[in-house]
Amino acid sequence: MPNNTSPQADEVDLRPLSARSVVLSLLLGLHPPELPVKDLVRSVAPFGIAGSTVRAALSRMVAAGDLRRADTVYRLSDRLLERQRRQDDAVHPEIRPWGGDWEVVVVTATGRGPAERAELRGELTRLRLAELREGVWLRPANLLRPLPDGLDRVAQRYTARPEHPARELAASLWPLDAWSGTGRALLAHVTGARHPSERFTAFAAVVRHLLADPVLPPELLPPDWPGERLRAAYADYRREMSDAARARAGGETAANARAREGR
């Protein structure tokens, strides 16, 4: 049974700021996810990170396969484009009306090593399924999302209507009260944050929290569920960051044009 204790506001997961984390968060919020190096440097400056530090981080990120570089433009790698898709899904999950059915995935493959088992567990968790018992995963059938290639080779999928009351079953599968408590603490934190670095770390924690949202039908959720408020707050912040980055790029283009006209 999950631990449903609600954390206090000072227990939110705020991680240290780094040039890499700021660059990745900025690019993950852009469509297309790319910027020239000069715009990246200017966009990261409000967080107190020097241009030389940003350039060094960019070089390491290219070497690590996080970014691709074409001339002076940096873009997310294919691997991180998948992370962007998951992040977009977390902010804007595609749902459908729920009629009471549940998705059930039963793992049938045997003889797999620990790494393969861990990878499959991670994939099923990213699909917002919860494990009822070893090898049996389920969730309400209210989500529309692509399934990973090859899932049918290791598992079988069913649709079912459990006899157990749906609200009680959901509460046994996910720590709903704890998630809700952390969500409300994060909302309070982002509302009170003023400095760019404080807001960044707070909204980075919001994204991580949204990735763990089971996105259940409303009738299965406890009162005052903060999921939609968190999504709206993060969507506003991402739009603000994207607009600022695009404005810096546009302002530089306009300044260059004026300089050329004055020659």
C-alpha atoms as a PDB file:
ATOM      1  CA  MET A   1       0.000   0.000   0.000  1.00  0.00           C
ATOM      2  CA  PRO A   2       1.501   3.408  -0.946  1.00  0.00           C
ATOM      3  CA  ASN A   3       2.424   5.854   1.772  1.00  0.00           C
ATOM      4  CA  ASN A   4      -0.205   8.607   1.490  1.00  0.00           C
ATOM      5  CA  THR A   5       1.226  11.059   3.996  1.00  0.00           C
ATOM      6  CA  SER A   6       1.282  14.613   2.679  1.00  0.00           C
ATOM      7  CA  PRO A   7       4.668  16.402   2.728  1.00  0.00           C
ATOM      8  CA  GLN A   8       5.118  19.894   4.059  1.00  0.00           C
ATOM      9  CA  ALA A   9       6.031  22.878   1.879  1.00  0.00           C
ATOM     10  CA  ASP A  10       9.701  22.697   2.805  1.00  0.00           C
ATOM     11  CA  GLU A  11       9.890  19.091   1.553  1.00  0.00           C
ATOM     12  CA  VAL A  12       9.584  19.871  -2.159  1.00  0.00           C
ATOM     13  CA  ASP A  13      12.395  18.455  -4.301  1.00  0.00           C
ATOM     14  CA  LEU A  14      14.472  21.512  -5.289  1.00  0.00           C
ATOM     15  CA  ARG A  15      17.722  20.586  -7.029  1.00  0.00           C
ATOM     16  CA  PRO A  16      20.840  22.759  -7.472  1.00  0.00           C
ATOM     17  CA  LEU A  17      21.029  25.089 -10.448  1.00  0.00           C
ATOM     18  CA  SER A  18      23.609  24.319 -13.154  1.00  0.00           C
ATOM     19  CA  ALA A  19      24.384  25.602 -16.635  1.00  0.00           C
ATOM     20  CA  ARG A  20      23.401  22.232 -18.097  1.00  0.00           C
ATOM     21  CA  SER A  21      20.046  22.126 -16.315  1.00  0.00           C
ATOM     22  CA  VAL A  22      19.129  25.661 -17.383  1.00  0.00           C
ATOM     23  CA  VAL A  23      20.135  25.076 -21.015  1.00  0.00           C
ATOM     24  CA  LEU A  24      18.195  21.817 -21.181  1.00  0.00           C
ATOM     25  CA  SER A  25      15.093  23.290 -19.554  1.00  0.00           C
ATOM     26  CA  LEU A  26      15.162  26.230 -21.945  1.00  0.00           C
ATOM     27  CA  LEU A  27      15.511  24.060 -25.048  1.00  0.00           C
ATOM     28  CA  LEU A  28      12.965  21.507 -23.819  1.00  0.00           C
ATOM     29  CA  GLY A  29      10.431  24.325 -23.696  1.00  0.00           C
ATOM     30  CA  LEU A  30      11.066  25.515 -27.265  1.00  0.00           C
ATOM     31  CA  HIS A  31       9.513  24.259 -30.501  1.00  0.00           C
ATOM     32  CA  PRO A  32      11.741  23.741 -32.433  1.00  0.00           C
ATOM     33  CA  PRO A  33      14.204  23.087 -29.560  1.00  0.00           C
ATOM     34  CA  GLU A  34      17.176  25.053 -30.868  1.00  0.00           C
ATOM     35  CA  LEU A  35      18.934  28.379 -30.326  1.00  0.00           C
ATOM     36  CA  PRO A  36      22.161  30.053 -31.463  1.00  0.00           C
ATOM     37  CA  VAL A  37      24.869  30.079 -28.829  1.00  0.00           C
ATOM     38  CA  LYS A  38      24.665  33.864 -28.349  1.00  0.00           C
ATOM     39  CA  ASP A  39      20.952  33.602 -27.502  1.00  0.00           C
ATOM     40  CA  LEU A  40      21.574  30.724 -25.128  1.00  0.00           C
ATOM     41  CA  VAL A  41      24.227  32.749 -23.321  1.00  0.00           C
ATOM     42  CA  ARG A  42      21.901  35.752 -23.001  1.00  0.00           C
ATOM     43  CA  SER A  43      18.988  33.577 -21.868  1.00  0.00           C
ATOM     44  CA  VAL A  44      21.032  31.912 -19.121  1.00  0.00           C
ATOM     45  CA  ALA A  45      22.601  35.166 -17.878  1.00  0.00           C
ATOM     46  CA  PRO A  46      19.647  36.112 -15.597  1.00  0.00           C
ATOM     47  CA  PHE A  47      20.394  32.977 -13.566  1.00  0.00           C
ATOM     48  CA  GLY A  48      23.846  34.283 -12.677  1.00  0.00           C
ATOM     49  CA  ILE A  49      25.718  31.847 -14.955  1.00  0.00           C
ATOM     50  CA  ALA A  50      28.669  33.298 -16.881  1.00  0.00           C
ATOM     51  CA  GLY A  51      28.935  32.984 -20.642  1.00  0.00           C
ATOM     52  CA  SER A  52      32.178  31.029 -20.394  1.00  0.00           C
ATOM     53  CA  THR A  53      30.465  28.527 -18.110  1.00  0.00           C
ATOM     54  CA  VAL A  54      27.587  28.151 -20.573  1.00  0.00           C
ATOM     55  CA  ARG A  55      29.947  27.587 -23.521  1.00  0.00           C
ATOM     56  CA  ALA A  56      31.898  24.970 -21.587  1.00  0.00           C
ATOM     57  CA  ALA A  57      28.648  23.224 -20.640  1.00  0.00           C
ATOM     58  CA  LEU A  58      27.504  23.272 -24.282  1.00  0.00           C
ATOM     59  CA  SER A  59      30.712  21.568 -25.390  1.00  0.00           C
ATOM     60  CA  ARG A  60      30.301  18.864 -22.759  1.00  0.00           C
ATOM     61  CA  MET A  61      26.657  18.362 -23.713  1.00  0.00           C
ATOM     62  CA  VAL A  62      27.548  17.883 -27.376  1.00  0.00           C
ATOM     63  CA  ALA A  63      30.234  15.371 -26.408  1.00  0.00           C
ATOM     64  CA  ALA A  64      27.751  13.525 -24.168  1.00  0.00           C
ATOM     65  CA  GLY A  65      25.129  13.329 -26.912  1.00  0.00           C
ATOM     66  CA  ASP A  66      22.660  15.688 -25.236  1.00  0.00           C
ATOM     67  CA  LEU A  67      22.890  18.309 -27.981  1.00  0.00           C
ATOM     68  CA  ARG A  68      23.715  18.549 -31.658  1.00  0.00           C
ATOM     69  CA  ARG A  69      25.557  21.524 -33.105  1.00  0.00           C
ATOM     70  CA  ALA A  70      25.229  22.984 -36.600  1.00  0.00           C
ATOM     71  CA  ASP A  71      27.474  26.040 -37.026  1.00  0.00           C
ATOM     72  CA  THR A  72      26.552  28.202 -34.013  1.00  0.00           C
ATOM     73  CA  VAL A  73      23.107  26.673 -33.394  1.00  0.00           C
ATOM     74  CA  TYR A  74      22.538  24.061 -30.681  1.00  0.00           C
ATOM     75  CA  ARG A  75      19.610  21.645 -30.840  1.00  0.00           C
ATOM     76  CA  LEU A  76      18.371  18.800 -28.658  1.00  0.00           C
ATOM     77  CA  SER A  77      19.596  15.351 -29.666  1.00  0.00           C
ATOM     78  CA  ASP A  78      17.135  12.676 -30.775  1.00  0.00           C
ATOM     79  CA  ARG A  79      17.316  11.081 -27.323  1.00  0.00           C
ATOM     80  CA  LEU A  80      16.283  14.319 -25.649  1.00  0.00           C
ATOM     81  CA  LEU A  81      13.584  14.971 -28.233  1.00  0.00           C
ATOM     82  CA  GLU A  82      11.901  11.901 -26.722  1.00  0.00           C
ATOM     83  CA  ARG A  83      12.278  13.472 -23.291  1.00  0.00           C
ATOM     84  CA  GLN A  84      10.680  16.653 -24.656  1.00  0.00           C
ATOM     85  CA  ARG A  85       7.756  14.586 -25.957  1.00  0.00           C
ATOM     86  CA  ARG A  86       7.271  13.026 -22.508  1.00  0.00           C
ATOM     87  CA  GLN A  87       7.463  16.456 -20.893  1.00  0.00           C
ATOM     88  CA  ASP A  88       4.913  17.848 -23.343  1.00  0.00           C
ATOM     89  CA  ASP A  89       2.648  14.887 -22.580  1.00  0.00           C
ATOM     90  CA  ALA A  90       3.016  15.568 -18.861  1.00  0.00           C
ATOM     91  CA  VAL A  91       1.894  19.161 -19.309  1.00  0.00           C
ATOM     92  CA  HIS A  92      -0.823  18.399 -21.870  1.00  0.00           C
ATOM     93  CA  PRO A  93      -1.880  14.746 -21.509  1.00  0.00           C
ATOM     94  CA  GLU A  94      -4.388  13.546 -24.074  1.00  0.00           C
ATOM     95  CA  ILE A  95      -7.390  12.109 -22.272  1.00  0.00           C
ATOM     96  CA  ARG A  96     -10.704  10.613 -23.278  1.00  0.00           C
ATOM     97  CA  PRO A  97     -13.983  10.131 -21.416  1.00  0.00           C
ATOM     98  CA  TRP A  98     -13.773   7.271 -18.960  1.00  0.00           C
ATOM     99  CA  GLY A  99     -16.519   4.643 -19.009  1.00  0.00           C
ATOM    100  CA  GLY A 100     -15.179   2.459 -16.206  1.00  0.00           C
ATOM    101  CA  ASP A 101     -12.775   0.203 -18.151  1.00  0.00           C
ATOM    102  CA  TRP A 102      -9.185  -0.353 -17.042  1.00  0.00           C
ATOM    103  CA  GLU A 103      -6.097  -1.099 -19.133  1.00  0.00           C
ATOM    104  CA  VAL A 104      -4.310  -4.243 -17.965  1.00  0.00           C
ATOM    105  CA  VAL A 105      -0.799  -5.209 -19.086  1.00  0.00           C
ATOM    106  CA  VAL A 106       0.487  -8.643 -18.089  1.00  0.00           C
ATOM    107  CA  VAL A 107       4.205  -9.260 -18.548  1.00  0.00           C
ATOM    108  CA  THR A 108       4.640 -12.643 -20.212  1.00  0.00           C
ATOM    109  CA  ALA A 109       8.323 -12.678 -21.212  1.00  0.00           C
ATOM    110  CA  THR A 110      10.658 -14.797 -19.104  1.00  0.00           C
ATOM    111  CA  GLY A 111      14.400 -15.232 -18.832  1.00  0.00           C
ATOM    112  CA  ARG A 112      15.197 -11.509 -19.010  1.00  0.00           C
ATOM    113  CA  GLY A 113      18.104 -10.025 -17.111  1.00  0.00           C
ATOM    114  CA  PRO A 114      17.855  -7.325 -14.411  1.00  0.00           C
ATOM    115  CA  ALA A 115      18.602  -4.485 -16.827  1.00  0.00           C
ATOM    116  CA  GLU A 116      15.859  -5.573 -19.234  1.00  0.00           C
ATOM    117  CA  ARG A 117      13.366  -5.960 -16.392  1.00  0.00           C
ATOM    118  CA  ALA A 118      14.234  -2.517 -15.032  1.00  0.00           C
ATOM    119  CA  GLU A 119      13.875  -0.972 -18.492  1.00  0.00           C
ATOM    120  CA  LEU A 120      10.433  -2.527 -18.936  1.00  0.00           C
ATOM    121  CA  ARG A 121       9.329  -1.370 -15.486  1.00  0.00           C
ATOM    122  CA  GLY A 122      10.465   2.149 -16.332  1.00  0.00           C
ATOM    123  CA  GLU A 123       8.584   2.085 -19.634  1.00  0.00           C
ATOM    124  CA  LEU A 124       5.369   0.867 -18.001  1.00  0.00           C
ATOM    125  CA  THR A 125       5.687   3.545 -15.327  1.00  0.00           C
ATOM    126  CA  ARG A 126       6.139   6.220 -18.010  1.00  0.00           C
ATOM    127  CA  LEU A 127       2.896   4.935 -19.539  1.00  0.00           C
ATOM    128  CA  ARG A 128       1.336   5.837 -16.165  1.00  0.00           C
ATOM    129  CA  LEU A 129       0.539   2.232 -15.325  1.00  0.00           C
ATOM    130  CA  ALA A 130       0.807   0.986 -11.750  1.00  0.00           C
ATOM    131  CA  GLU A 131       1.864  -2.486 -10.633  1.00  0.00           C
ATOM    132  CA  LEU A 132      -0.885  -4.413  -8.860  1.00  0.00           C
ATOM    133  CA  ARG A 133       1.367  -7.424  -8.293  1.00  0.00           C
ATOM    134  CA  GLU A 134       4.551  -8.640  -9.945  1.00  0.00           C
ATOM    135  CA  GLY A 135       4.067  -8.576 -13.695  1.00  0.00           C
ATOM    136  CA  VAL A 136       0.503  -7.192 -13.606  1.00  0.00           C
ATOM    137  CA  TRP A 137       0.109  -3.484 -14.422  1.00  0.00           C
ATOM    138  CA  LEU A 138      -3.071  -1.464 -14.809  1.00  0.00           C
ATOM    139  CA  ARG A 139      -4.727   1.945 -14.887  1.00  0.00           C
ATOM    140  CA  PRO A 140      -8.091   3.452 -15.854  1.00  0.00           C
ATOM    141  CA  ALA A 141      -8.503   3.494 -19.650  1.00  0.00           C
ATOM    142  CA  ASN A 142      -8.803   7.286 -19.951  1.00  0.00           C
ATOM    143  CA  LEU A 143      -5.438   8.075 -21.589  1.00  0.00           C
ATOM    144  CA  LEU A 144      -4.514   8.280 -25.256  1.00  0.00           C
ATOM    145  CA  ARG A 145      -0.770   7.859 -25.828  1.00  0.00           C
ATOM    146  CA  PRO A 146       1.480   5.872 -28.154  1.00  0.00           C
ATOM    147  CA  LEU A 147       2.693   2.515 -26.901  1.00  0.00           C
ATOM    148  CA  PRO A 148       6.382   1.586 -27.211  1.00  0.00           C
ATOM    149  CA  ASP A 149       7.513  -0.600 -30.080  1.00  0.00           C
ATOM    150  CA  GLY A 150       7.904  -4.212 -29.072  1.00  0.00           C
ATOM    151  CA  LEU A 151       5.639  -4.118 -26.016  1.00  0.00           C
ATOM    152  CA  ASP A 152       3.521  -6.897 -27.527  1.00  0.00           C
ATOM    153  CA  ARG A 153       6.611  -9.134 -27.581  1.00  0.00           C
ATOM    154  CA  VAL A 154       7.004  -9.068 -23.813  1.00  0.00           C
ATOM    155  CA  ALA A 155       3.470  -8.458 -22.545  1.00  0.00           C
ATOM    156  CA  GLN A 156      -0.202  -8.968 -23.319  1.00  0.00           C
ATOM    157  CA  ARG A 157      -2.768  -6.173 -23.054  1.00  0.00           C
ATOM    158  CA  TYR A 158      -6.364  -6.500 -21.885  1.00  0.00           C
ATOM    159  CA  THR A 159      -9.354  -4.372 -21.022  1.00  0.00           C
ATOM    160  CA  ALA A 160     -11.125  -5.235 -17.782  1.00  0.00           C
ATOM    161  CA  ARG A 161     -13.520  -3.962 -15.133  1.00  0.00           C
ATOM    162  CA  PRO A 162     -12.182  -4.923 -11.701  1.00  0.00           C
ATOM    163  CA  GLU A 163     -14.762  -5.883  -9.092  1.00  0.00           C
ATOM    164  CA  HIS A 164     -12.897  -3.830  -6.486  1.00  0.00           C
ATOM    165  CA  PRO A 165     -14.345  -0.273  -6.143  1.00  0.00           C
ATOM    166  CA  ALA A 166     -12.456   1.920  -8.620  1.00  0.00           C
ATOM    167  CA  ARG A 167     -11.737   4.754  -6.191  1.00  0.00           C
ATOM    168  CA  GLU A 168     -10.314   2.383  -3.578  1.00  0.00           C
ATOM    169  CA  LEU A 169      -8.274   0.550  -6.198  1.00  0.00           C
ATOM    170  CA  ALA A 170      -6.762   3.808  -7.469  1.00  0.00           C
ATOM    171  CA  ALA A 171      -5.871   4.871  -3.920  1.00  0.00           C
ATOM    172  CA  SER A 172      -4.104   1.534  -3.379  1.00  0.00           C
ATOM    173  CA  LEU A 173      -2.072   1.845  -6.596  1.00  0.00           C
ATOM    174  CA  TRP A 174      -0.894   5.473  -6.359  1.00  0.00           C
ATOM    175  CA  PRO A 175       0.091   7.649  -3.371  1.00  0.00           C
ATOM    176  CA  LEU A 176      -2.598  10.196  -4.270  1.00  0.00           C
ATOM    177  CA  ASP A 177      -2.674  12.129  -0.999  1.00  0.00           C
ATOM    178  CA  ALA A 178       1.125  12.460  -0.977  1.00  0.00           C
ATOM    179  CA  TRP A 179       1.198  13.594  -4.624  1.00  0.00           C
ATOM    180  CA  SER A 180      -1.535  16.127  -3.937  1.00  0.00           C
ATOM    181  CA  GLY A 181       0.227  17.470  -0.855  1.00  0.00           C
ATOM    182  CA  THR A 182       3.503  17.936  -2.710  1.00  0.00           C
ATOM    183  CA  GLY A 183       1.635  19.566  -5.598  1.00  0.00           C
ATOM    184  CA  ARG A 184       0.024  22.135  -3.321  1.00  0.00           C
ATOM    185  CA  ALA A 185       3.406  22.801  -1.664  1.00  0.00           C
ATOM    186  CA  LEU A 186       4.938  23.393  -5.113  1.00  0.00           C
ATOM    187  CA  LEU A 187       2.158  25.784  -6.064  1.00  0.00           C
ATOM    188  CA  ALA A 188       2.811  27.801  -2.918  1.00  0.00           C
ATOM    189  CA  HIS A 189       6.535  27.765  -3.635  1.00  0.00           C
ATOM    190  CA  VAL A 190       6.279  28.972  -7.248  1.00  0.00           C
ATOM    191  CA  THR A 191       3.824  31.679  -6.205  1.00  0.00           C
ATOM    192  CA  GLY A 192       6.293  33.033  -3.677  1.00  0.00           C
ATOM    193  CA  ALA A 193       9.462  32.706  -5.791  1.00  0.00           C
ATOM    194  CA  ARG A 194      10.749  35.992  -7.194  1.00  0.00           C
ATOM    195  CA  HIS A 195      14.372  35.599  -8.319  1.00  0.00           C
ATOM    196  CA  PRO A 196      14.861  33.892 -11.717  1.00  0.00           C
ATOM    197  CA  SER A 197      16.952  31.107 -10.192  1.00  0.00           C
ATOM    198  CA  GLU A 198      14.356  30.448  -7.483  1.00  0.00           C
ATOM    199  CA  ARG A 199      11.562  30.305 -10.060  1.00  0.00           C
ATOM    200  CA  PHE A 200      13.613  28.030 -12.296  1.00  0.00           C
ATOM    201  CA  THR A 201      14.359  25.463  -9.596  1.00  0.00           C
ATOM    202  CA  ALA A 202      10.728  25.555  -8.448  1.00  0.00           C
ATOM    203  CA  PHE A 203       9.309  24.977 -11.918  1.00  0.00           C
ATOM    204  CA  ALA A 204      11.874  22.255 -12.634  1.00  0.00           C
ATOM    205  CA  ALA A 205      10.448  20.491  -9.575  1.00  0.00           C
ATOM    206  CA  VAL A 206       6.937  21.057 -10.951  1.00  0.00           C
ATOM    207  CA  VAL A 207       7.874  19.276 -14.191  1.00  0.00           C
ATOM    208  CA  ARG A 208       9.313  16.301 -12.315  1.00  0.00           C
ATOM    209  CA  HIS A 209       6.157  16.140 -10.237  1.00  0.00           C
ATOM    210  CA  LEU A 210       3.873  16.278 -13.277  1.00  0.00           C
ATOM    211  CA  LEU A 211       5.751  13.360 -14.814  1.00  0.00           C
ATOM    212  CA  ALA A 212       4.567  11.304 -11.835  1.00  0.00           C
ATOM    213  CA  ASP A 213       0.938  12.418 -12.096  1.00  0.00           C
ATOM    214  CA  PRO A 214      -1.192   9.315 -12.815  1.00  0.00           C
ATOM    215  CA  VAL A 215      -3.728  11.521 -14.706  1.00  0.00           C
ATOM    216  CA  LEU A 216      -6.720   9.662 -13.331  1.00  0.00           C
ATOM    217  CA  PRO A 217     -10.381  10.352 -14.096  1.00  0.00           C
ATOM    218  CA  PRO A 218     -11.655  13.148 -11.825  1.00  0.00           C
ATOM    219  CA  GLU A 219     -14.055  10.829  -9.993  1.00  0.00           C
ATOM    220  CA  LEU A 220     -11.102   8.764  -8.717  1.00  0.00           C
ATOM    221  CA  LEU A 221      -9.121  11.723  -7.324  1.00  0.00           C
ATOM    222  CA  PRO A 222      -9.141  13.122  -3.781  1.00  0.00           C
ATOM    223  CA  PRO A 223     -10.593  16.627  -3.219  1.00  0.00           C
ATOM    224  CA  ASP A 224      -8.552  19.699  -4.189  1.00  0.00           C
ATOM    225  CA  TRP A 225      -6.364  17.816  -6.661  1.00  0.00           C
ATOM    226  CA  PRO A 226      -3.716  20.342  -7.877  1.00  0.00           C
ATOM    227  CA  GLY A 227      -2.826  18.706 -11.201  1.00  0.00           C
ATOM    228  CA  GLU A 228      -4.506  21.195 -13.533  1.00  0.00           C
ATOM    229  CA  ARG A 229      -3.290  24.194 -11.543  1.00  0.00           C
ATOM    230  CA  LEU A 230       0.279  22.889 -11.733  1.00  0.00           C
ATOM    231  CA  ARG A 231      -0.052  22.358 -15.491  1.00  0.00           C
ATOM    232  CA  ALA A 232      -1.436  25.845 -16.028  1.00  0.00           C
ATOM    233  CA  ALA A 233       1.301  27.451 -13.897  1.00  0.00           C
ATOM    234  CA  TYR A 234       4.068  25.572 -15.719  1.00  0.00           C
ATOM    235  CA  ALA A 235       2.574  26.268 -19.156  1.00  0.00           C
ATOM    236  CA  ASP A 236       2.567  29.999 -18.327  1.00  0.00           C
ATOM    237  CA  TYR A 237       6.176  29.849 -17.137  1.00  0.00           C
ATOM    238  CA  ARG A 238       7.355  27.900 -20.190  1.00  0.00           C
ATOM    239  CA  ARG A 239       5.601  30.401 -22.462  1.00  0.00           C
ATOM    240  CA  GLU A 240       7.270  33.247 -20.581  1.00  0.00           C
ATOM    241  CA  MET A 241      10.716  31.640 -20.950  1.00  0.00           C
ATOM    242  CA  SER A 242      10.174  30.847 -24.637  1.00  0.00           C
ATOM    243  CA  ASP A 243       8.896  34.343 -25.412  1.00  0.00           C
ATOM    244  CA  ALA A 244      11.894  35.880 -23.649  1.00  0.00           C
ATOM    245  CA  ALA A 245      14.327  33.684 -25.593  1.00  0.00           C
ATOM    246  CA  ARG A 246      12.635  34.460 -28.904  1.00  0.00           C
ATOM    247  CA  ALA A 247      12.526  38.172 -28.041  1.00  0.00           C
ATOM    248  CA  ARG A 248      16.259  38.181 -27.374  1.00  0.00           C
ATOM    249  CA  ALA A 249      16.882  36.469 -30.692  1.00  0.00           C
ATOM    250  CA  GLY A 250      14.534  38.857 -32.495  1.00  0.00           C
ATOM    251  CA  GLY A 251      16.038  41.875 -30.821  1.00  0.00           C
ATOM    252  CA  GLU A 252      19.507  40.823 -31.899  1.00  0.00           C
ATOM    253  CA  THR A 253      18.313  40.339 -35.479  1.00  0.00           C
ATOM    254  CA  ALA A 254      16.691  43.764 -35.515  1.00  0.00           C
ATOM    255  CA  ALA A 255      19.794  45.381 -34.008  1.00  0.00           C
ATOM    256  CA  ASN A 256      21.999  43.775 -36.665  1.00  0.00           C
ATOM    257  CA  ALA A 257      19.665  45.005 -39.390  1.00  0.00           C
ATOM    258  CA  ARG A 258      19.787  48.573 -38.038  1.00  0.00           C
ATOM    259  CA  ALA A 259      23.572  48.397 -37.813  1.00  0.00           C
ATOM    260  CA  ARG A 260      23.818  47.276 -41.436  1.00  0.00           C
ATOM    261  CA  GLU A 261      21.491  50.063 -42.542  1.00  0.00           C
ATOM    262  CA  GLY A 262      23.621  52.630 -40.744  1.00  0.00           C
ATOM    263  CA  ARG A 263      26.829  51.580 -42.517  1.00  0.00           C
END
